[in-house]
Amino acid sequence: MLMELLFEKLNAIRTLSSPFKSYLTENCEIFRFEAHQYALFQSRNPRLYFVSAGLSSADFMQSGNHQPVMFFGEGDFIPPSISTYKSKFIHTLKFYMPTVLLGITIAQAKYALRHFPEAPDLFLGIADHQIASGYARELFLRMPVQDRYNQLFTTNRQLFKECSSQQLAAYLNISQRQLMRLKQMK
């Protein structure tokens, strides 16, 4: 079931009541994407997304090329500021493999905040997760290049199969030439 991973992730932040689980089950929309597909969601009805399966990146368009800014894998949240066309930093979401997103609108999240006592702690936990992810990215970029490469290779081996060298180099914040040297050393 698609909701099981979501509930497992959310229960790690705050125990969910049965009525809240039912509310999420009834109101989460399921979005399926194929590998190498791009998407941009309209901001008229922004959503908080949860990656139930797959891998995606938030891309910035630079000189006509998509440059990944951050990656989202199974169990990650994609906040509305990343997934809407009014974002100042992100132009599209790219999917590297078949990916399933679960989405809840901001209006539904506001309803949950008013009607379920665990919702405020839950949404604060999600915000905390996003802030921690931002700090982790910053620390990652401060690591020596070889360590960044090794960590990415160890934790996200699938990226090396699904992403172009240009995209990997952009994510590692190195040149394609540096990336080729690192691959040859491996």
N, C-alpha and C. Protein backbone atom coordinates (compact mmCIF):
# COMPACT_ATOMS: atom_id res chain seq x y z
N MET A 1 0.84 -1.19 0.00
CA MET A 1 0.00 0.00 0.00
C MET A 1 0.88 1.24 0.00
N LEU A 2 0.51 2.21 -0.80
CA LEU A 2 1.29 3.42 -0.95
C LEU A 2 1.39 4.24 0.34
N MET A 3 0.38 4.18 1.16
CA MET A 3 0.34 5.02 2.37
C MET A 3 1.21 4.50 3.50
N GLU A 4 1.61 3.22 3.44
CA GLU A 4 2.36 2.63 4.56
C GLU A 4 3.66 3.36 4.85
N LEU A 5 4.46 3.67 3.82
CA LEU A 5 5.72 4.37 4.03
C LEU A 5 5.47 5.76 4.58
N LEU A 6 4.43 6.43 4.08
CA LEU A 6 4.08 7.76 4.59
C LEU A 6 3.76 7.68 6.07
N PHE A 7 2.90 6.73 6.46
CA PHE A 7 2.53 6.61 7.87
C PHE A 7 3.73 6.25 8.74
N GLU A 8 4.61 5.39 8.21
CA GLU A 8 5.81 5.03 8.96
C GLU A 8 6.67 6.27 9.20
N LYS A 9 6.86 7.08 8.16
CA LYS A 9 7.67 8.30 8.26
C LYS A 9 7.01 9.30 9.21
N LEU A 10 5.70 9.48 9.09
CA LEU A 10 4.99 10.44 9.94
C LEU A 10 4.94 9.97 11.39
N ASN A 11 4.75 8.67 11.62
CA ASN A 11 4.71 8.16 12.99
C ASN A 11 6.05 8.34 13.70
N ALA A 12 7.14 8.42 12.93
CA ALA A 12 8.45 8.68 13.54
C ALA A 12 8.50 10.10 14.09
N ILE A 13 7.70 11.00 13.52
CA ILE A 13 7.64 12.38 13.99
C ILE A 13 6.61 12.51 15.12
N ARG A 14 5.44 11.94 14.90
CA ARG A 14 4.34 12.07 15.87
C ARG A 14 3.38 10.93 15.62
N THR A 15 2.90 10.27 16.67
CA THR A 15 1.94 9.18 16.53
C THR A 15 0.64 9.72 15.94
N LEU A 16 0.15 9.05 14.92
CA LEU A 16 -1.06 9.50 14.24
C LEU A 16 -2.29 8.75 14.76
N SER A 17 -3.36 9.49 14.94
CA SER A 17 -4.62 8.87 15.34
C SER A 17 -5.26 8.20 14.12
N SER A 18 -6.15 7.26 14.39
CA SER A 18 -6.87 6.59 13.29
C SER A 18 -7.66 7.58 12.43
N PRO A 19 -8.38 8.56 13.05
CA PRO A 19 -9.11 9.51 12.21
C PRO A 19 -8.19 10.33 11.30
N PHE A 20 -7.01 10.69 11.81
CA PHE A 20 -6.08 11.46 10.98
C PHE A 20 -5.53 10.60 9.84
N LYS A 21 -5.24 9.33 10.12
CA LYS A 21 -4.79 8.42 9.06
C LYS A 21 -5.88 8.29 7.99
N SER A 22 -7.13 8.17 8.44
CA SER A 22 -8.24 8.06 7.48
C SER A 22 -8.35 9.33 6.64
N TYR A 23 -8.20 10.49 7.28
CA TYR A 23 -8.26 11.76 6.57
C TYR A 23 -7.17 11.82 5.49
N LEU A 24 -5.95 11.45 5.86
CA LEU A 24 -4.86 11.47 4.89
C LEU A 24 -5.10 10.48 3.76
N THR A 25 -5.57 9.28 4.10
CA THR A 25 -5.84 8.27 3.08
C THR A 25 -6.89 8.76 2.08
N GLU A 26 -7.92 9.42 2.59
CA GLU A 26 -9.00 9.91 1.72
C GLU A 26 -8.58 11.12 0.90
N ASN A 27 -7.64 11.94 1.41
CA ASN A 27 -7.35 13.21 0.76
C ASN A 27 -6.01 13.29 0.02
N CYS A 28 -5.15 12.33 0.22
CA CYS A 28 -3.88 12.34 -0.52
C CYS A 28 -4.15 11.95 -1.97
N GLU A 29 -3.66 12.76 -2.89
CA GLU A 29 -3.74 12.41 -4.30
C GLU A 29 -2.46 11.67 -4.67
N ILE A 30 -2.59 10.75 -5.59
CA ILE A 30 -1.45 9.96 -6.04
C ILE A 30 -1.04 10.45 -7.42
N PHE A 31 0.25 10.74 -7.57
CA PHE A 31 0.81 11.20 -8.84
C PHE A 31 1.89 10.21 -9.25
N ARG A 32 1.79 9.70 -10.48
CA ARG A 32 2.77 8.73 -10.98
C ARG A 32 3.52 9.35 -12.16
N PHE A 33 4.83 9.16 -12.14
CA PHE A 33 5.68 9.70 -13.20
C PHE A 33 6.60 8.60 -13.71
N GLU A 34 6.90 8.67 -15.00
CA GLU A 34 7.83 7.73 -15.61
C GLU A 34 9.24 8.30 -15.57
N ALA A 35 10.21 7.44 -15.78
CA ALA A 35 11.60 7.87 -15.82
C ALA A 35 11.80 8.91 -16.91
N HIS A 36 12.62 9.91 -16.61
CA HIS A 36 13.02 10.97 -17.54
C HIS A 36 11.88 11.93 -17.87
N GLN A 37 10.85 11.92 -17.08
CA GLN A 37 9.74 12.85 -17.26
C GLN A 37 10.02 14.10 -16.42
N TYR A 38 9.53 15.25 -16.87
CA TYR A 38 9.63 16.50 -16.12
C TYR A 38 8.22 16.92 -15.72
N ALA A 39 8.11 17.63 -14.61
CA ALA A 39 6.80 18.13 -14.18
C ALA A 39 6.97 19.47 -13.51
N LEU A 40 5.95 20.28 -13.62
CA LEU A 40 5.88 21.54 -12.91
C LEU A 40 4.43 21.71 -12.50
N PHE A 41 4.20 21.91 -11.24
CA PHE A 41 2.84 21.96 -10.73
C PHE A 41 2.36 23.39 -10.61
N GLN A 42 1.10 23.60 -10.90
CA GLN A 42 0.52 24.93 -10.81
C GLN A 42 0.38 25.35 -9.34
N SER A 43 0.61 26.63 -9.07
CA SER A 43 0.57 27.07 -7.67
C SER A 43 -0.82 27.51 -7.22
N ARG A 44 -1.81 27.41 -8.10
CA ARG A 44 -3.17 27.76 -7.68
C ARG A 44 -3.61 26.91 -6.50
N ASN A 45 -3.12 25.70 -6.46
CA ASN A 45 -3.49 24.77 -5.41
C ASN A 45 -2.22 24.04 -4.94
N PRO A 46 -1.29 24.77 -4.27
CA PRO A 46 -0.01 24.14 -3.91
C PRO A 46 -0.19 22.95 -2.97
N ARG A 47 0.75 22.01 -3.08
CA ARG A 47 0.69 20.77 -2.31
C ARG A 47 2.02 20.51 -1.62
N LEU A 48 1.91 19.76 -0.55
CA LEU A 48 3.06 19.15 0.11
C LEU A 48 3.11 17.73 -0.44
N TYR A 49 4.25 17.34 -1.00
CA TYR A 49 4.38 16.01 -1.59
C TYR A 49 5.26 15.13 -0.73
N PHE A 50 4.97 13.84 -0.80
CA PHE A 50 5.77 12.81 -0.14
C PHE A 50 6.18 11.82 -1.22
N VAL A 51 7.47 11.49 -1.28
CA VAL A 51 7.96 10.55 -2.28
C VAL A 51 7.74 9.14 -1.74
N SER A 52 6.75 8.45 -2.28
CA SER A 52 6.42 7.11 -1.83
C SER A 52 7.35 6.08 -2.46
N ALA A 53 7.79 6.36 -3.67
CA ALA A 53 8.72 5.47 -4.37
C ALA A 53 9.40 6.27 -5.46
N GLY A 54 10.65 5.94 -5.76
CA GLY A 54 11.33 6.57 -6.88
C GLY A 54 12.36 7.59 -6.49
N LEU A 55 12.72 8.42 -7.46
CA LEU A 55 13.78 9.41 -7.28
C LEU A 55 13.52 10.59 -8.20
N SER A 56 13.63 11.79 -7.66
CA SER A 56 13.45 13.00 -8.46
C SER A 56 14.44 14.06 -8.01
N SER A 57 14.54 15.10 -8.81
CA SER A 57 15.37 16.25 -8.43
C SER A 57 14.60 17.51 -8.74
N ALA A 58 14.91 18.55 -7.99
CA ALA A 58 14.40 19.88 -8.28
C ALA A 58 15.49 20.54 -9.12
N ASP A 59 15.13 20.96 -10.33
CA ASP A 59 16.11 21.48 -11.27
C ASP A 59 15.96 22.97 -11.49
N PHE A 60 17.09 23.61 -11.67
CA PHE A 60 17.17 25.02 -12.03
C PHE A 60 17.64 25.08 -13.47
N MET A 61 17.05 25.93 -14.27
CA MET A 61 17.44 26.05 -15.67
C MET A 61 18.56 27.07 -15.78
N GLN A 62 19.72 26.63 -16.27
CA GLN A 62 20.87 27.53 -16.42
C GLN A 62 21.48 27.31 -17.79
N SER A 63 21.56 28.36 -18.56
CA SER A 63 22.12 28.30 -19.92
C SER A 63 21.45 27.22 -20.76
N GLY A 64 20.15 27.07 -20.60
CA GLY A 64 19.40 26.09 -21.39
C GLY A 64 19.52 24.66 -20.89
N ASN A 65 20.22 24.42 -19.80
CA ASN A 65 20.38 23.08 -19.25
C ASN A 65 19.73 22.98 -17.88
N HIS A 66 19.18 21.80 -17.60
CA HIS A 66 18.61 21.54 -16.28
C HIS A 66 19.75 21.18 -15.33
N GLN A 67 19.86 21.91 -14.23
CA GLN A 67 20.88 21.64 -13.22
C GLN A 67 20.18 21.22 -11.93
N PRO A 68 20.44 20.01 -11.42
CA PRO A 68 19.76 19.60 -10.18
C PRO A 68 20.25 20.40 -8.98
N VAL A 69 19.31 20.87 -8.19
CA VAL A 69 19.63 21.63 -7.00
C VAL A 69 19.54 20.72 -5.77
N MET A 70 18.54 19.87 -5.76
CA MET A 70 18.40 18.91 -4.67
C MET A 70 17.68 17.68 -5.19
N PHE A 71 17.98 16.56 -4.54
CA PHE A 71 17.36 15.30 -4.90
C PHE A 71 16.37 14.88 -3.84
N PHE A 72 15.31 14.19 -4.27
CA PHE A 72 14.30 13.67 -3.36
C PHE A 72 14.13 12.19 -3.65
N GLY A 73 14.38 11.38 -2.65
CA GLY A 73 14.22 9.94 -2.80
C GLY A 73 13.08 9.43 -1.94
N GLU A 74 12.92 8.13 -1.94
CA GLU A 74 11.85 7.50 -1.18
C GLU A 74 11.89 7.95 0.28
N GLY A 75 10.75 8.40 0.78
CA GLY A 75 10.64 8.84 2.17
C GLY A 75 10.87 10.32 2.38
N ASP A 76 11.18 11.07 1.32
CA ASP A 76 11.41 12.52 1.46
C ASP A 76 10.13 13.30 1.21
N PHE A 77 10.11 14.51 1.76
CA PHE A 77 9.01 15.45 1.53
C PHE A 77 9.47 16.51 0.54
N ILE A 78 8.58 16.93 -0.34
CA ILE A 78 8.85 18.03 -1.26
C ILE A 78 7.90 19.16 -0.89
N PRO A 79 8.43 20.25 -0.33
CA PRO A 79 7.55 21.34 0.12
C PRO A 79 6.98 22.12 -1.05
N PRO A 80 5.88 22.84 -0.82
CA PRO A 80 5.23 23.60 -1.89
C PRO A 80 6.16 24.63 -2.52
N SER A 81 7.08 25.20 -1.77
CA SER A 81 7.97 26.21 -2.33
C SER A 81 8.87 25.64 -3.41
N ILE A 82 9.11 24.34 -3.40
CA ILE A 82 9.94 23.69 -4.42
C ILE A 82 9.11 23.32 -5.63
N SER A 83 7.88 22.91 -5.43
CA SER A 83 7.13 22.26 -6.51
C SER A 83 6.19 23.16 -7.29
N THR A 84 6.20 24.47 -7.08
CA THR A 84 5.28 25.33 -7.81
C THR A 84 6.02 26.25 -8.76
N TYR A 85 5.32 26.70 -9.78
CA TYR A 85 5.98 27.48 -10.83
C TYR A 85 6.39 28.87 -10.36
N LYS A 86 5.95 29.33 -9.21
CA LYS A 86 6.35 30.64 -8.72
C LYS A 86 7.67 30.58 -7.95
N SER A 87 8.25 29.40 -7.85
CA SER A 87 9.52 29.26 -7.15
C SER A 87 10.59 30.11 -7.83
N LYS A 88 11.40 30.80 -7.03
CA LYS A 88 12.46 31.64 -7.59
C LYS A 88 13.69 30.82 -7.97
N PHE A 89 13.79 29.62 -7.47
CA PHE A 89 15.00 28.84 -7.64
C PHE A 89 14.82 27.58 -8.48
N ILE A 90 13.61 27.08 -8.54
CA ILE A 90 13.37 25.79 -9.18
C ILE A 90 12.46 25.97 -10.38
N HIS A 91 12.83 25.36 -11.50
CA HIS A 91 12.00 25.43 -12.69
C HIS A 91 11.17 24.18 -12.92
N THR A 92 11.74 23.02 -12.63
CA THR A 92 11.01 21.77 -12.86
C THR A 92 11.42 20.72 -11.84
N LEU A 93 10.60 19.68 -11.77
CA LEU A 93 10.98 18.46 -11.07
C LEU A 93 11.27 17.43 -12.16
N LYS A 94 12.39 16.75 -12.03
CA LYS A 94 12.74 15.70 -12.98
C LYS A 94 12.67 14.37 -12.26
N PHE A 95 12.17 13.35 -12.96
CA PHE A 95 12.04 12.02 -12.39
C PHE A 95 13.01 11.08 -13.08
N TYR A 96 13.87 10.44 -12.30
CA TYR A 96 14.93 9.60 -12.84
C TYR A 96 14.51 8.15 -13.00
N MET A 97 13.47 7.77 -12.33
CA MET A 97 12.95 6.41 -12.42
C MET A 97 11.45 6.52 -12.16
N PRO A 98 10.69 5.48 -12.41
CA PRO A 98 9.27 5.57 -12.09
C PRO A 98 9.10 6.01 -10.63
N THR A 99 8.31 7.06 -10.46
CA THR A 99 8.19 7.71 -9.15
C THR A 99 6.73 7.91 -8.80
N VAL A 100 6.41 7.70 -7.53
CA VAL A 100 5.05 7.93 -7.04
C VAL A 100 5.12 9.00 -5.95
N LEU A 101 4.35 10.06 -6.15
CA LEU A 101 4.24 11.12 -5.15
C LEU A 101 2.84 11.09 -4.55
N LEU A 102 2.77 11.31 -3.26
CA LEU A 102 1.49 11.51 -2.58
C LEU A 102 1.41 12.99 -2.25
N GLY A 103 0.31 13.63 -2.60
CA GLY A 103 0.20 15.07 -2.38
C GLY A 103 -1.03 15.44 -1.59
N ILE A 104 -0.85 16.40 -0.69
CA ILE A 104 -1.96 16.97 0.06
C ILE A 104 -1.91 18.48 -0.14
N THR A 105 -3.06 19.07 -0.44
CA THR A 105 -3.07 20.51 -0.69
C THR A 105 -2.84 21.28 0.60
N ILE A 106 -2.44 22.52 0.45
CA ILE A 106 -2.23 23.38 1.62
C ILE A 106 -3.57 23.59 2.34
N ALA A 107 -4.66 23.70 1.58
CA ALA A 107 -5.99 23.86 2.20
C ALA A 107 -6.31 22.64 3.06
N GLN A 108 -5.99 21.44 2.57
CA GLN A 108 -6.23 20.23 3.36
C GLN A 108 -5.32 20.18 4.59
N ALA A 109 -4.10 20.66 4.45
CA ALA A 109 -3.19 20.72 5.60
C ALA A 109 -3.71 21.69 6.65
N LYS A 110 -4.25 22.83 6.21
CA LYS A 110 -4.82 23.80 7.15
C LYS A 110 -6.02 23.20 7.88
N TYR A 111 -6.86 22.46 7.16
CA TYR A 111 -7.99 21.79 7.78
C TYR A 111 -7.49 20.82 8.86
N ALA A 112 -6.47 20.06 8.51
CA ALA A 112 -5.91 19.09 9.47
C ALA A 112 -5.38 19.80 10.71
N LEU A 113 -4.76 20.95 10.52
CA LEU A 113 -4.23 21.70 11.66
C LEU A 113 -5.33 22.11 12.63
N ARG A 114 -6.51 22.39 12.10
CA ARG A 114 -7.63 22.81 12.96
C ARG A 114 -8.37 21.63 13.59
N HIS A 115 -8.33 20.45 12.97
CA HIS A 115 -9.19 19.36 13.41
C HIS A 115 -8.49 18.15 14.03
N PHE A 116 -7.19 18.07 13.91
CA PHE A 116 -6.47 16.91 14.48
C PHE A 116 -5.37 17.41 15.41
N PRO A 117 -5.43 17.04 16.68
CA PRO A 117 -4.48 17.59 17.65
C PRO A 117 -3.01 17.28 17.34
N GLU A 118 -2.74 16.17 16.66
CA GLU A 118 -1.34 15.82 16.37
C GLU A 118 -0.79 16.56 15.15
N ALA A 119 -1.66 17.20 14.36
CA ALA A 119 -1.23 17.83 13.11
C ALA A 119 -0.20 18.94 13.30
N PRO A 120 -0.35 19.86 14.27
CA PRO A 120 0.68 20.91 14.40
C PRO A 120 2.08 20.34 14.65
N ASP A 121 2.19 19.36 15.55
CA ASP A 121 3.50 18.75 15.80
C ASP A 121 4.02 18.05 14.55
N LEU A 122 3.13 17.43 13.84
CA LEU A 122 3.51 16.71 12.63
C LEU A 122 4.07 17.67 11.59
N PHE A 123 3.37 18.75 11.30
CA PHE A 123 3.83 19.69 10.28
C PHE A 123 5.09 20.42 10.73
N LEU A 124 5.23 20.68 12.03
CA LEU A 124 6.49 21.23 12.53
C LEU A 124 7.63 20.24 12.33
N GLY A 125 7.34 18.96 12.53
CA GLY A 125 8.34 17.93 12.30
C GLY A 125 8.77 17.86 10.85
N ILE A 126 7.82 18.01 9.94
CA ILE A 126 8.14 18.01 8.51
C ILE A 126 9.01 19.24 8.19
N ALA A 127 8.64 20.40 8.74
CA ALA A 127 9.45 21.60 8.53
C ALA A 127 10.86 21.41 9.08
N ASP A 128 10.95 20.81 10.25
CA ASP A 128 12.26 20.54 10.85
C ASP A 128 13.08 19.61 9.95
N HIS A 129 12.42 18.61 9.38
CA HIS A 129 13.08 17.69 8.46
C HIS A 129 13.65 18.45 7.26
N GLN A 130 12.88 19.40 6.73
CA GLN A 130 13.33 20.18 5.58
C GLN A 130 14.53 21.05 5.94
N ILE A 131 14.49 21.67 7.10
CA ILE A 131 15.60 22.51 7.55
C ILE A 131 16.85 21.66 7.74
N ALA A 132 16.68 20.51 8.36
CA ALA A 132 17.82 19.60 8.57
C ALA A 132 18.39 19.14 7.23
N SER A 133 17.53 18.89 6.25
CA SER A 133 18.00 18.50 4.91
C SER A 133 18.82 19.61 4.27
N GLY A 134 18.40 20.86 4.47
CA GLY A 134 19.15 22.00 3.94
C GLY A 134 20.52 22.11 4.58
N TYR A 135 20.58 21.91 5.89
CA TYR A 135 21.88 21.94 6.58
C TYR A 135 22.76 20.78 6.13
N ALA A 136 22.15 19.62 5.95
CA ALA A 136 22.92 18.45 5.51
C ALA A 136 23.52 18.72 4.13
N ARG A 137 22.76 19.36 3.25
CA ARG A 137 23.27 19.70 1.92
C ARG A 137 24.44 20.67 2.03
N GLU A 138 24.30 21.66 2.88
CA GLU A 138 25.38 22.64 3.06
C GLU A 138 26.64 21.96 3.60
N LEU A 139 26.48 21.10 4.58
CA LEU A 139 27.64 20.37 5.11
C LEU A 139 28.25 19.45 4.06
N PHE A 140 27.39 18.83 3.26
CA PHE A 140 27.85 17.97 2.18
C PHE A 140 28.74 18.75 1.22
N LEU A 141 28.33 19.95 0.86
CA LEU A 141 29.09 20.76 -0.09
C LEU A 141 30.41 21.28 0.50
N ARG A 142 30.53 21.28 1.81
CA ARG A 142 31.77 21.70 2.46
C ARG A 142 32.79 20.57 2.58
N MET A 143 32.36 19.36 2.29
CA MET A 143 33.26 18.21 2.36
C MET A 143 34.25 18.26 1.20
N PRO A 144 35.43 17.64 1.37
CA PRO A 144 36.34 17.54 0.23
C PRO A 144 35.65 16.80 -0.93
N VAL A 145 36.05 17.13 -2.14
CA VAL A 145 35.40 16.60 -3.34
C VAL A 145 35.37 15.06 -3.34
N GLN A 146 36.48 14.43 -3.03
CA GLN A 146 36.54 12.96 -3.02
C GLN A 146 35.54 12.38 -2.03
N ASP A 147 35.42 13.00 -0.85
CA ASP A 147 34.47 12.53 0.17
C ASP A 147 33.03 12.70 -0.30
N ARG A 148 32.74 13.82 -0.97
CA ARG A 148 31.38 14.04 -1.50
C ARG A 148 31.03 12.96 -2.50
N TYR A 149 31.94 12.70 -3.40
CA TYR A 149 31.72 11.68 -4.42
C TYR A 149 31.49 10.32 -3.78
N ASN A 150 32.37 9.94 -2.85
CA ASN A 150 32.25 8.63 -2.19
C ASN A 150 30.93 8.51 -1.42
N GLN A 151 30.55 9.57 -0.72
CA GLN A 151 29.29 9.53 0.04
C GLN A 151 28.10 9.39 -0.90
N LEU A 152 28.09 10.16 -1.97
CA LEU A 152 26.97 10.08 -2.92
C LEU A 152 26.93 8.70 -3.56
N PHE A 153 28.08 8.17 -3.92
CA PHE A 153 28.15 6.85 -4.54
C PHE A 153 27.66 5.78 -3.58
N THR A 154 28.01 5.90 -2.32
CA THR A 154 27.63 4.91 -1.32
C THR A 154 26.14 4.98 -0.98
N THR A 155 25.62 6.19 -0.82
CA THR A 155 24.23 6.34 -0.36
C THR A 155 23.21 6.38 -1.49
N ASN A 156 23.62 6.77 -2.67
CA ASN A 156 22.67 6.91 -3.79
C ASN A 156 23.25 6.33 -5.07
N ARG A 157 23.63 5.09 -5.04
CA ARG A 157 24.25 4.44 -6.20
C ARG A 157 23.37 4.54 -7.45
N GLN A 158 22.06 4.53 -7.24
CA GLN A 158 21.11 4.60 -8.36
C GLN A 158 21.31 5.88 -9.19
N LEU A 159 21.73 6.97 -8.54
CA LEU A 159 21.95 8.22 -9.27
C LEU A 159 22.99 8.05 -10.37
N PHE A 160 24.00 7.24 -10.11
CA PHE A 160 25.07 7.04 -11.08
C PHE A 160 24.59 6.26 -12.30
N LYS A 161 23.48 5.56 -12.16
CA LYS A 161 22.89 4.85 -13.29
C LYS A 161 21.89 5.73 -14.05
N GLU A 162 21.19 6.58 -13.31
CA GLU A 162 20.07 7.33 -13.88
C GLU A 162 20.40 8.75 -14.31
N CYS A 163 21.42 9.37 -13.74
CA CYS A 163 21.73 10.78 -14.02
C CYS A 163 22.86 10.90 -15.03
N SER A 164 22.83 11.97 -15.78
CA SER A 164 23.93 12.25 -16.70
C SER A 164 25.12 12.75 -15.89
N SER A 165 26.29 12.71 -16.49
CA SER A 165 27.49 13.23 -15.83
C SER A 165 27.34 14.71 -15.52
N GLN A 166 26.69 15.42 -16.40
CA GLN A 166 26.46 16.86 -16.18
C GLN A 166 25.62 17.09 -14.93
N GLN A 167 24.57 16.29 -14.76
CA GLN A 167 23.70 16.44 -13.60
C GLN A 167 24.42 16.05 -12.31
N LEU A 168 25.18 14.96 -12.35
CA LEU A 168 25.93 14.54 -11.16
C LEU A 168 26.96 15.59 -10.77
N ALA A 169 27.67 16.12 -11.76
CA ALA A 169 28.68 17.15 -11.49
C ALA A 169 28.02 18.38 -10.86
N ALA A 170 26.87 18.77 -11.39
CA ALA A 170 26.17 19.92 -10.84
C ALA A 170 25.76 19.66 -9.39
N TYR A 171 25.25 18.48 -9.12
CA TYR A 171 24.84 18.16 -7.75
C TYR A 171 26.03 18.14 -6.80
N LEU A 172 27.16 17.63 -7.27
CA LEU A 172 28.37 17.57 -6.44
C LEU A 172 29.09 18.91 -6.38
N ASN A 173 28.65 19.84 -7.21
CA ASN A 173 29.24 21.17 -7.28
C ASN A 173 30.70 21.11 -7.74
N ILE A 174 30.92 20.30 -8.78
CA ILE A 174 32.24 20.14 -9.38
C ILE A 174 32.09 20.19 -10.90
N SER A 175 33.22 20.27 -11.59
CA SER A 175 33.17 20.27 -13.06
C SER A 175 33.00 18.83 -13.56
N GLN A 176 32.58 18.70 -14.82
CA GLN A 176 32.45 17.37 -15.40
C GLN A 176 33.82 16.69 -15.50
N ARG A 177 34.85 17.47 -15.73
CA ARG A 177 36.21 16.93 -15.81
C ARG A 177 36.61 16.32 -14.46
N GLN A 178 36.31 17.03 -13.36
CA GLN A 178 36.61 16.49 -12.02
C GLN A 178 35.85 15.19 -11.78
N LEU A 179 34.59 15.17 -12.20
CA LEU A 179 33.77 13.98 -12.02
C LEU A 179 34.38 12.79 -12.78
N MET A 180 34.82 13.03 -13.99
CA MET A 180 35.42 11.94 -14.78
C MET A 180 36.67 11.40 -14.09
N ARG A 181 37.48 12.30 -13.53
CA ARG A 181 38.68 11.85 -12.80
C ARG A 181 38.29 11.01 -11.60
N LEU A 182 37.26 11.43 -10.87
CA LEU A 182 36.81 10.68 -9.69
C LEU A 182 36.28 9.30 -10.09
N LYS A 183 35.56 9.24 -11.20
CA LYS A 183 35.04 7.95 -11.66
C LYS A 183 36.17 7.01 -12.06
N GLN A 184 37.21 7.55 -12.66
CA GLN A 184 38.34 6.73 -13.07
C GLN A 184 39.10 6.19 -11.86
N MET A 185 39.13 6.94 -10.76
CA MET A 185 39.83 6.52 -9.56
C MET A 185 39.07 5.43 -8.82
N LYS A 186 37.77 5.35 -9.00
CA LYS A 186 36.91 4.41 -8.27
C LYS A 186 37.12 3.00 -8.71
